[in-house]
């Protein structure tokens, strides 16, 4: 699976952005995730969605503010980010985890999100 992320940018605190991840290849059995890495911090998972069935998981820090979704027809995964705050500033990555290990082993390039106060 090849992934390409887009949609990052500069936004003021309280604003919104939508990140997109274009996936190529057979993704129906995959779990898709959005990760982020802030300067000086470890990479962390933000949200994940099972391509088949659409079940989702969110980090506590983004619950109620971020929504992950997928478009089966377009082979796209989205991360809608609302009520952004400066702590959300990071490089965001989309990733795919496939059977049987379900380890995230396919990564897109990062897209930078900067939230100004």
N, C-alpha and C. Protein backbone atom coordinates (compact mmCIF):
# COMPACT_ATOMS: atom_id res chain seq x y z
N UNK A 1 0.85 -1.18 0.00
CA UNK A 1 0.00 0.00 0.00
C UNK A 1 0.89 1.24 0.00
N UNK A 2 0.58 2.15 -0.90
CA UNK A 2 1.29 3.43 -0.93
C UNK A 2 0.34 4.53 -0.47
N UNK A 3 0.88 5.47 0.29
CA UNK A 3 0.05 6.49 0.91
C UNK A 3 0.62 7.87 0.61
N UNK A 4 -0.28 8.81 0.44
CA UNK A 4 0.13 10.19 0.23
C UNK A 4 -0.78 11.10 1.04
N UNK A 5 -0.18 11.80 1.96
CA UNK A 5 -0.93 12.69 2.85
C UNK A 5 -0.86 14.12 2.35
N UNK A 6 -1.92 14.85 2.64
CA UNK A 6 -1.97 16.27 2.26
C UNK A 6 -2.94 16.99 3.18
N UNK A 7 -2.93 18.32 3.09
CA UNK A 7 -3.93 19.10 3.81
C UNK A 7 -3.41 19.90 4.98
N UNK A 8 -2.14 19.75 5.30
CA UNK A 8 -1.61 20.51 6.42
C UNK A 8 -1.53 21.99 6.10
N UNK A 9 -1.23 22.77 7.12
CA UNK A 9 -1.11 24.21 6.92
C UNK A 9 -1.06 24.94 8.23
N UNK A 10 -1.19 26.24 8.13
CA UNK A 10 -1.17 27.12 9.30
C UNK A 10 -2.60 27.54 9.62
N UNK A 11 -2.97 27.39 10.87
CA UNK A 11 -4.32 27.75 11.29
C UNK A 11 -4.25 28.38 12.67
N UNK A 12 -5.17 29.27 12.95
CA UNK A 12 -5.23 29.88 14.28
C UNK A 12 -5.90 28.93 15.27
N UNK A 13 -5.57 29.12 16.51
CA UNK A 13 -6.20 28.32 17.55
C UNK A 13 -7.71 28.44 17.46
N UNK A 14 -8.37 27.32 17.61
CA UNK A 14 -9.82 27.28 17.48
C UNK A 14 -10.29 26.96 16.09
N UNK A 15 -9.38 26.97 15.14
CA UNK A 15 -9.74 26.70 13.76
C UNK A 15 -9.79 25.22 13.43
N UNK A 16 -9.99 24.95 12.15
CA UNK A 16 -10.15 23.58 11.66
C UNK A 16 -9.28 23.33 10.44
N UNK A 17 -8.92 22.09 10.26
CA UNK A 17 -8.23 21.62 9.06
C UNK A 17 -8.71 20.21 8.77
N UNK A 18 -8.65 19.83 7.51
CA UNK A 18 -8.92 18.44 7.16
C UNK A 18 -7.72 17.88 6.41
N UNK A 19 -7.18 16.83 6.96
CA UNK A 19 -6.09 16.12 6.31
C UNK A 19 -6.66 15.00 5.45
N UNK A 20 -5.99 14.74 4.35
CA UNK A 20 -6.39 13.69 3.44
C UNK A 20 -5.24 12.71 3.23
N UNK A 21 -5.58 11.47 3.04
CA UNK A 21 -4.58 10.45 2.76
C UNK A 21 -5.09 9.60 1.60
N UNK A 22 -4.38 9.67 0.50
CA UNK A 22 -4.73 8.86 -0.67
C UNK A 22 -4.00 7.54 -0.60
N UNK A 23 -4.74 6.46 -0.71
CA UNK A 23 -4.15 5.13 -0.62
C UNK A 23 -4.26 4.43 -1.96
N UNK A 24 -3.18 3.77 -2.34
CA UNK A 24 -3.20 2.95 -3.56
C UNK A 24 -2.94 1.52 -3.16
N UNK A 25 -3.55 0.61 -3.86
CA UNK A 25 -3.41 -0.79 -3.53
C UNK A 25 -4.66 -1.31 -2.83
N UNK A 26 -4.59 -2.57 -2.47
CA UNK A 26 -5.75 -3.22 -1.84
C UNK A 26 -5.76 -2.90 -0.35
N UNK A 27 -6.73 -2.14 0.06
CA UNK A 27 -6.76 -1.67 1.44
C UNK A 27 -7.93 -2.24 2.25
N UNK A 28 -8.74 -3.08 1.66
CA UNK A 28 -9.99 -3.48 2.31
C UNK A 28 -9.77 -4.18 3.64
N UNK A 29 -8.63 -4.79 3.83
CA UNK A 29 -8.38 -5.52 5.09
C UNK A 29 -7.49 -4.74 6.04
N UNK A 30 -7.22 -3.50 5.74
CA UNK A 30 -6.27 -2.73 6.50
C UNK A 30 -6.93 -1.93 7.62
N UNK A 31 -6.08 -1.56 8.57
CA UNK A 31 -6.39 -0.53 9.54
C UNK A 31 -5.56 0.69 9.14
N UNK A 32 -6.22 1.83 9.05
CA UNK A 32 -5.55 3.06 8.65
C UNK A 32 -5.42 3.97 9.87
N UNK A 33 -4.26 4.56 10.02
CA UNK A 33 -4.05 5.40 11.18
C UNK A 33 -3.47 6.75 10.81
N UNK A 34 -3.77 7.72 11.65
CA UNK A 34 -3.10 9.02 11.59
C UNK A 34 -2.22 9.14 12.83
N UNK A 35 -0.99 9.49 12.60
CA UNK A 35 -0.03 9.71 13.67
C UNK A 35 0.45 11.16 13.60
N UNK A 36 1.07 11.60 14.68
CA UNK A 36 1.70 12.91 14.65
C UNK A 36 2.98 12.90 15.48
N UNK A 37 3.87 13.78 15.09
CA UNK A 37 5.10 13.93 15.84
C UNK A 37 5.41 15.41 15.97
N UNK A 38 5.39 15.87 17.20
CA UNK A 38 5.71 17.26 17.50
C UNK A 38 7.21 17.39 17.75
N UNK A 39 7.77 18.57 17.57
CA UNK A 39 9.20 18.76 17.80
C UNK A 39 9.61 18.31 19.18
N UNK A 40 10.64 17.47 19.23
CA UNK A 40 11.16 17.01 20.49
C UNK A 40 10.33 15.96 21.19
N UNK A 41 9.28 15.48 20.52
CA UNK A 41 8.41 14.49 21.13
C UNK A 41 8.38 13.23 20.28
N UNK A 42 7.95 12.15 20.91
CA UNK A 42 7.82 10.89 20.19
C UNK A 42 6.55 10.91 19.32
N UNK A 43 6.60 10.10 18.30
CA UNK A 43 5.42 9.96 17.45
C UNK A 43 4.31 9.28 18.23
N UNK A 44 3.10 9.76 18.05
CA UNK A 44 1.96 9.19 18.75
C UNK A 44 0.81 8.97 17.76
N UNK A 45 0.02 7.97 18.06
CA UNK A 45 -1.14 7.74 17.23
C UNK A 45 -2.24 8.70 17.64
N UNK A 46 -2.91 9.24 16.66
CA UNK A 46 -3.99 10.19 16.89
C UNK A 46 -5.35 9.52 16.72
N UNK A 47 -5.49 8.78 15.64
CA UNK A 47 -6.77 8.14 15.34
C UNK A 47 -6.52 6.98 14.39
N UNK A 48 -7.43 6.04 14.42
CA UNK A 48 -7.33 4.90 13.51
C UNK A 48 -8.73 4.46 13.10
N UNK A 49 -8.80 3.84 11.94
CA UNK A 49 -10.09 3.35 11.43
C UNK A 49 -9.86 2.04 10.72
N UNK A 50 -10.74 1.12 10.96
CA UNK A 50 -10.68 -0.15 10.25
C UNK A 50 -11.39 0.04 8.91
N UNK A 51 -10.68 -0.26 7.84
CA UNK A 51 -11.27 0.01 6.54
C UNK A 51 -12.56 -0.75 6.34
N UNK A 52 -12.57 -1.99 6.74
CA UNK A 52 -13.79 -2.78 6.64
C UNK A 52 -14.59 -2.63 7.92
N UNK A 53 -15.74 -2.05 7.82
CA UNK A 53 -16.59 -1.87 9.00
C UNK A 53 -16.54 -0.47 9.57
N UNK A 54 -15.40 0.19 9.46
CA UNK A 54 -15.31 1.58 9.86
C UNK A 54 -15.18 1.85 11.34
N UNK A 55 -14.86 0.84 12.15
CA UNK A 55 -14.69 1.11 13.58
C UNK A 55 -13.49 2.03 13.79
N UNK A 56 -13.61 2.90 14.78
CA UNK A 56 -12.60 3.93 14.99
C UNK A 56 -12.01 3.90 16.39
N UNK A 57 -10.86 4.53 16.50
CA UNK A 57 -10.18 4.67 17.79
C UNK A 57 -9.53 6.04 17.80
N UNK A 58 -9.59 6.70 18.95
CA UNK A 58 -8.99 8.02 19.08
C UNK A 58 -8.11 8.11 20.32
N UNK A 59 -7.06 8.89 20.20
CA UNK A 59 -6.29 9.23 21.39
C UNK A 59 -7.15 10.13 22.28
N UNK A 60 -6.96 10.02 23.57
CA UNK A 60 -7.75 10.82 24.50
C UNK A 60 -7.60 12.32 24.22
N UNK A 61 -6.44 12.72 23.78
CA UNK A 61 -6.17 14.14 23.59
C UNK A 61 -6.97 14.77 22.45
N UNK A 62 -7.53 13.93 21.58
CA UNK A 62 -8.26 14.48 20.42
C UNK A 62 -9.71 14.07 20.39
N UNK A 63 -10.13 13.25 21.34
CA UNK A 63 -11.53 12.81 21.34
C UNK A 63 -12.47 13.99 21.41
N UNK A 64 -13.49 13.95 20.58
CA UNK A 64 -14.45 15.04 20.54
C UNK A 64 -14.05 16.20 19.67
N UNK A 65 -12.81 16.22 19.22
CA UNK A 65 -12.34 17.30 18.34
C UNK A 65 -11.96 16.80 16.96
N UNK A 66 -11.41 15.61 16.87
CA UNK A 66 -10.96 15.04 15.59
C UNK A 66 -11.90 13.92 15.18
N UNK A 67 -12.06 13.78 13.88
CA UNK A 67 -12.86 12.69 13.34
C UNK A 67 -12.12 12.06 12.17
N UNK A 68 -11.94 10.75 12.26
CA UNK A 68 -11.33 10.01 11.16
C UNK A 68 -12.43 9.35 10.35
N UNK A 69 -12.26 9.35 9.05
CA UNK A 69 -13.26 8.73 8.19
C UNK A 69 -12.58 8.19 6.94
N UNK A 70 -13.31 7.38 6.21
CA UNK A 70 -12.75 6.88 4.96
C UNK A 70 -13.81 6.89 3.88
N UNK A 71 -13.34 6.99 2.65
CA UNK A 71 -14.21 6.96 1.48
C UNK A 71 -13.77 5.76 0.66
N UNK A 72 -14.57 4.72 0.72
CA UNK A 72 -14.19 3.48 0.04
C UNK A 72 -14.04 3.68 -1.46
N UNK A 73 -14.93 4.44 -2.04
CA UNK A 73 -14.92 4.60 -3.49
C UNK A 73 -13.67 5.32 -3.97
N UNK A 74 -13.21 6.26 -3.17
CA UNK A 74 -12.05 7.05 -3.57
C UNK A 74 -10.74 6.53 -2.97
N UNK A 75 -10.84 5.53 -2.10
CA UNK A 75 -9.65 5.02 -1.40
C UNK A 75 -8.93 6.13 -0.65
N UNK A 76 -9.72 6.91 0.05
CA UNK A 76 -9.18 8.04 0.80
C UNK A 76 -9.51 7.89 2.29
N UNK A 77 -8.61 8.38 3.10
CA UNK A 77 -8.84 8.47 4.54
C UNK A 77 -8.66 9.93 4.93
N UNK A 78 -9.55 10.40 5.79
CA UNK A 78 -9.53 11.80 6.18
C UNK A 78 -9.38 11.94 7.69
N UNK A 79 -8.84 13.07 8.08
CA UNK A 79 -8.81 13.44 9.50
C UNK A 79 -9.31 14.87 9.60
N UNK A 80 -10.55 14.99 10.06
CA UNK A 80 -11.12 16.31 10.28
C UNK A 80 -10.71 16.76 11.67
N UNK A 81 -10.06 17.90 11.74
CA UNK A 81 -9.55 18.41 13.01
C UNK A 81 -10.21 19.74 13.33
N UNK A 82 -10.94 19.76 14.41
CA UNK A 82 -11.65 20.96 14.85
C UNK A 82 -11.10 21.42 16.20
N UNK A 83 -11.40 22.64 16.55
CA UNK A 83 -10.97 23.22 17.83
C UNK A 83 -9.49 23.01 18.06
N UNK A 84 -8.72 23.30 17.04
CA UNK A 84 -7.28 23.08 17.13
C UNK A 84 -6.66 24.01 18.15
N UNK A 85 -5.64 23.52 18.81
CA UNK A 85 -4.88 24.34 19.75
C UNK A 85 -3.39 24.17 19.46
N UNK A 86 -2.56 25.05 20.00
CA UNK A 86 -1.13 24.99 19.67
C UNK A 86 -0.48 23.64 19.98
N UNK A 87 -1.04 22.91 20.94
CA UNK A 87 -0.48 21.60 21.26
C UNK A 87 -0.70 20.58 20.15
N UNK A 88 -1.55 20.91 19.19
CA UNK A 88 -1.77 20.02 18.05
C UNK A 88 -0.74 20.24 16.94
N UNK A 89 0.12 21.21 17.11
CA UNK A 89 1.15 21.47 16.12
C UNK A 89 2.09 20.27 16.02
N UNK A 90 2.23 19.75 14.81
CA UNK A 90 3.05 18.56 14.60
C UNK A 90 3.08 18.24 13.12
N UNK A 91 3.95 17.31 12.77
CA UNK A 91 3.90 16.70 11.45
C UNK A 91 2.97 15.49 11.57
N UNK A 92 1.99 15.44 10.71
CA UNK A 92 1.00 14.37 10.73
C UNK A 92 1.29 13.39 9.60
N UNK A 93 1.17 12.11 9.94
CA UNK A 93 1.43 11.03 8.99
C UNK A 93 0.24 10.10 8.92
N UNK A 94 -0.06 9.63 7.74
CA UNK A 94 -1.00 8.52 7.65
C UNK A 94 -0.21 7.23 7.47
N UNK A 95 -0.78 6.16 7.95
CA UNK A 95 -0.10 4.88 7.93
C UNK A 95 -1.12 3.77 7.78
N UNK A 96 -0.65 2.63 7.31
CA UNK A 96 -1.52 1.47 7.09
C UNK A 96 -0.95 0.25 7.78
N UNK A 97 -1.84 -0.52 8.36
CA UNK A 97 -1.47 -1.75 9.03
C UNK A 97 -2.29 -2.88 8.43
N UNK A 98 -1.59 -3.87 7.88
CA UNK A 98 -2.29 -4.96 7.22
C UNK A 98 -2.09 -6.29 7.91
N UNK A 99 -2.94 -7.23 7.50
CA UNK A 99 -2.85 -8.58 8.03
C UNK A 99 -1.56 -9.25 7.60
N UNK A 100 -1.05 -10.23 8.34
CA UNK A 100 -1.59 -10.71 9.60
C UNK A 100 -1.05 -9.98 10.84
N UNK A 101 0.01 -9.21 10.67
CA UNK A 101 0.63 -8.62 11.87
C UNK A 101 -0.10 -7.38 12.37
N UNK A 102 -0.77 -6.68 11.48
CA UNK A 102 -1.39 -5.40 11.80
C UNK A 102 -0.40 -4.46 12.47
N UNK A 103 0.80 -4.46 11.99
CA UNK A 103 1.78 -3.44 12.36
C UNK A 103 1.75 -2.36 11.29
N UNK A 104 1.92 -1.12 11.71
CA UNK A 104 1.92 -0.03 10.75
C UNK A 104 3.25 -0.06 9.99
N UNK A 105 3.19 -0.55 8.75
CA UNK A 105 4.42 -0.72 7.99
C UNK A 105 4.41 0.03 6.66
N UNK A 106 3.32 0.72 6.39
CA UNK A 106 3.28 1.59 5.20
C UNK A 106 2.99 3.00 5.69
N UNK A 107 3.82 3.93 5.26
CA UNK A 107 3.71 5.30 5.75
C UNK A 107 3.70 6.28 4.60
N UNK A 108 2.87 7.29 4.74
CA UNK A 108 2.91 8.40 3.81
C UNK A 108 3.92 9.43 4.27
N UNK A 109 4.18 10.38 3.41
CA UNK A 109 5.05 11.47 3.83
C UNK A 109 4.27 12.35 4.81
N UNK A 110 4.92 13.05 5.64
CA UNK A 110 4.22 13.86 6.63
C UNK A 110 3.68 15.15 6.04
N UNK A 111 2.69 15.67 6.72
CA UNK A 111 2.16 16.98 6.37
C UNK A 111 2.13 17.82 7.64
N UNK A 112 2.67 19.01 7.55
CA UNK A 112 2.85 19.85 8.73
C UNK A 112 1.59 20.63 9.07
N UNK A 113 1.20 20.53 10.31
CA UNK A 113 0.10 21.32 10.85
C UNK A 113 0.67 22.26 11.90
N UNK A 114 0.45 23.53 11.71
CA UNK A 114 0.92 24.54 12.67
C UNK A 114 -0.28 25.33 13.17
N UNK A 115 -0.44 25.33 14.48
CA UNK A 115 -1.56 26.05 15.09
C UNK A 115 -0.99 27.22 15.88
N UNK A 116 -1.36 28.40 15.49
CA UNK A 116 -0.85 29.60 16.17
C UNK A 116 -1.81 30.03 17.26
N UNK A 117 -1.24 30.59 18.31
CA UNK A 117 -2.07 31.02 19.44
C UNK A 117 -2.55 32.44 19.27
